[in-house]
Amino acid sequence: MLGWTVTFFIIAIIAAIFGFGGIAASAASIAKILFVAFLVLAVISLALGRRMPA
């Protein structure tokens, strides 16, 4: 998922360089959403992985 975030971020940078503001904004917002989703899943994974065995 982090790979997709980097991909959309690079697309946003390239689109901004060539002057495609709408595409750049869309790609940047998708990258932000994916990054937040990655962070949430990483925190959940860490929390569930550190449980003590019963």
N, C-alpha and C. Protein backbone atom coordinates (compact mmCIF):
# COMPACT_ATOMS: atom_id res chain seq x y z
N MET A 1 0.83 -1.19 0.00
CA MET A 1 0.00 0.00 0.00
C MET A 1 0.87 1.25 0.00
N LEU A 2 1.98 1.16 0.65
CA LEU A 2 2.88 2.30 0.67
C LEU A 2 3.46 2.54 -0.73
N GLY A 3 3.62 1.49 -1.48
CA GLY A 3 4.09 1.62 -2.87
C GLY A 3 3.12 2.39 -3.73
N TRP A 4 1.82 2.13 -3.55
CA TRP A 4 0.80 2.87 -4.29
C TRP A 4 0.82 4.34 -3.90
N THR A 5 1.05 4.61 -2.62
CA THR A 5 1.12 6.00 -2.16
C THR A 5 2.25 6.75 -2.85
N VAL A 6 3.40 6.13 -2.92
CA VAL A 6 4.55 6.75 -3.59
C VAL A 6 4.26 6.94 -5.08
N THR A 7 3.60 5.96 -5.69
CA THR A 7 3.27 6.06 -7.11
C THR A 7 2.36 7.24 -7.39
N PHE A 8 1.29 7.39 -6.60
CA PHE A 8 0.39 8.51 -6.81
C PHE A 8 1.06 9.84 -6.50
N PHE A 9 1.97 9.85 -5.54
CA PHE A 9 2.70 11.08 -5.23
C PHE A 9 3.59 11.49 -6.40
N ILE A 10 4.25 10.54 -7.01
CA ILE A 10 5.11 10.83 -8.17
C ILE A 10 4.26 11.30 -9.35
N ILE A 11 3.09 10.66 -9.54
CA ILE A 11 2.19 11.11 -10.60
C ILE A 11 1.76 12.55 -10.35
N ALA A 12 1.47 12.88 -9.10
CA ALA A 12 1.06 14.25 -8.76
C ALA A 12 2.17 15.25 -9.06
N ILE A 13 3.40 14.89 -8.72
CA ILE A 13 4.53 15.80 -8.98
C ILE A 13 4.73 16.01 -10.47
N ILE A 14 4.68 14.91 -11.24
CA ILE A 14 4.87 15.03 -12.69
C ILE A 14 3.74 15.84 -13.33
N ALA A 15 2.51 15.60 -12.88
CA ALA A 15 1.37 16.36 -13.43
C ALA A 15 1.48 17.83 -13.08
N ALA A 16 1.96 18.14 -11.88
CA ALA A 16 2.12 19.54 -11.50
C ALA A 16 3.21 20.22 -12.33
N ILE A 17 4.27 19.50 -12.64
CA ILE A 17 5.35 20.07 -13.46
C ILE A 17 4.83 20.42 -14.86
N PHE A 18 3.98 19.54 -15.42
CA PHE A 18 3.47 19.78 -16.77
C PHE A 18 2.23 20.67 -16.79
N GLY A 19 1.78 21.13 -15.62
CA GLY A 19 0.70 22.10 -15.59
C GLY A 19 -0.70 21.53 -15.50
N PHE A 20 -0.83 20.25 -15.21
CA PHE A 20 -2.14 19.64 -15.06
C PHE A 20 -2.55 19.72 -13.60
N GLY A 21 -3.12 20.86 -13.21
CA GLY A 21 -3.45 21.12 -11.80
C GLY A 21 -4.51 20.19 -11.25
N GLY A 22 -5.55 19.91 -12.04
CA GLY A 22 -6.62 19.05 -11.56
C GLY A 22 -6.17 17.62 -11.32
N ILE A 23 -5.39 17.11 -12.25
CA ILE A 23 -4.87 15.75 -12.11
C ILE A 23 -3.89 15.68 -10.95
N ALA A 24 -3.09 16.70 -10.80
CA ALA A 24 -2.12 16.73 -9.70
C ALA A 24 -2.83 16.75 -8.36
N ALA A 25 -3.88 17.55 -8.24
CA ALA A 25 -4.62 17.62 -6.99
C ALA A 25 -5.31 16.30 -6.68
N SER A 26 -5.87 15.67 -7.70
CA SER A 26 -6.54 14.38 -7.50
C SER A 26 -5.55 13.30 -7.07
N ALA A 27 -4.42 13.24 -7.74
CA ALA A 27 -3.42 12.24 -7.40
C ALA A 27 -2.85 12.47 -6.00
N ALA A 28 -2.68 13.74 -5.63
CA ALA A 28 -2.16 14.05 -4.30
C ALA A 28 -3.17 13.65 -3.22
N SER A 29 -4.45 13.89 -3.49
CA SER A 29 -5.45 13.51 -2.48
C SER A 29 -5.57 12.00 -2.36
N ILE A 30 -5.45 11.28 -3.46
CA ILE A 30 -5.46 9.82 -3.39
C ILE A 30 -4.25 9.33 -2.61
N ALA A 31 -3.09 9.95 -2.83
CA ALA A 31 -1.88 9.56 -2.09
C ALA A 31 -2.05 9.81 -0.60
N LYS A 32 -2.69 10.93 -0.23
CA LYS A 32 -2.93 11.21 1.19
C LYS A 32 -3.84 10.17 1.81
N ILE A 33 -4.91 9.81 1.12
CA ILE A 33 -5.85 8.82 1.63
C ILE A 33 -5.17 7.47 1.81
N LEU A 34 -4.38 7.06 0.83
CA LEU A 34 -3.68 5.78 0.93
C LEU A 34 -2.66 5.79 2.06
N PHE A 35 -2.00 6.91 2.27
CA PHE A 35 -1.01 7.00 3.34
C PHE A 35 -1.68 6.89 4.70
N VAL A 36 -2.81 7.56 4.87
CA VAL A 36 -3.54 7.47 6.14
C VAL A 36 -4.04 6.04 6.36
N ALA A 37 -4.53 5.40 5.31
CA ALA A 37 -4.98 4.01 5.43
C ALA A 37 -3.81 3.11 5.82
N PHE A 38 -2.64 3.36 5.23
CA PHE A 38 -1.45 2.59 5.59
C PHE A 38 -1.10 2.78 7.06
N LEU A 39 -1.14 4.02 7.53
CA LEU A 39 -0.81 4.28 8.94
C LEU A 39 -1.80 3.59 9.89
N VAL A 40 -3.09 3.67 9.57
CA VAL A 40 -4.10 3.04 10.41
C VAL A 40 -3.88 1.53 10.45
N LEU A 41 -3.67 0.91 9.30
CA LEU A 41 -3.45 -0.53 9.27
C LEU A 41 -2.15 -0.92 9.97
N ALA A 42 -1.12 -0.10 9.88
CA ALA A 42 0.14 -0.40 10.56
C ALA A 42 -0.04 -0.34 12.08
N VAL A 43 -0.77 0.65 12.57
CA VAL A 43 -1.01 0.77 14.02
C VAL A 43 -1.85 -0.41 14.51
N ILE A 44 -2.88 -0.77 13.75
CA ILE A 44 -3.70 -1.92 14.14
C ILE A 44 -2.87 -3.19 14.15
N SER A 45 -2.04 -3.36 13.16
CA SER A 45 -1.18 -4.54 13.09
C SER A 45 -0.21 -4.60 14.27
N LEU A 46 0.35 -3.46 14.62
CA LEU A 46 1.27 -3.44 15.76
C LEU A 46 0.53 -3.73 17.06
N ALA A 47 -0.66 -3.19 17.21
CA ALA A 47 -1.44 -3.41 18.44
C ALA A 47 -1.84 -4.86 18.58
N LEU A 48 -2.27 -5.48 17.49
CA LEU A 48 -2.71 -6.88 17.57
C LEU A 48 -1.53 -7.84 17.65
N GLY A 49 -0.41 -7.45 17.11
CA GLY A 49 0.77 -8.32 17.11
C GLY A 49 1.48 -8.35 18.45
N ARG A 50 1.23 -7.39 19.33
CA ARG A 50 1.94 -7.31 20.61
C ARG A 50 1.11 -7.87 21.76
N ARG A 51 0.00 -8.54 21.45
CA ARG A 51 -0.81 -9.13 22.52
C ARG A 51 -0.04 -10.28 23.19
N MET A 52 -0.31 -10.44 24.45
CA MET A 52 0.31 -11.54 25.20
C MET A 52 -0.47 -12.83 24.92
N PRO A 53 0.22 -13.92 24.74
CA PRO A 53 -0.50 -15.19 24.49
C PRO A 53 -1.29 -15.61 25.73
N ALA A 54 -2.47 -16.12 25.51
CA ALA A 54 -3.34 -16.49 26.64
C ALA A 54 -3.05 -17.90 27.12
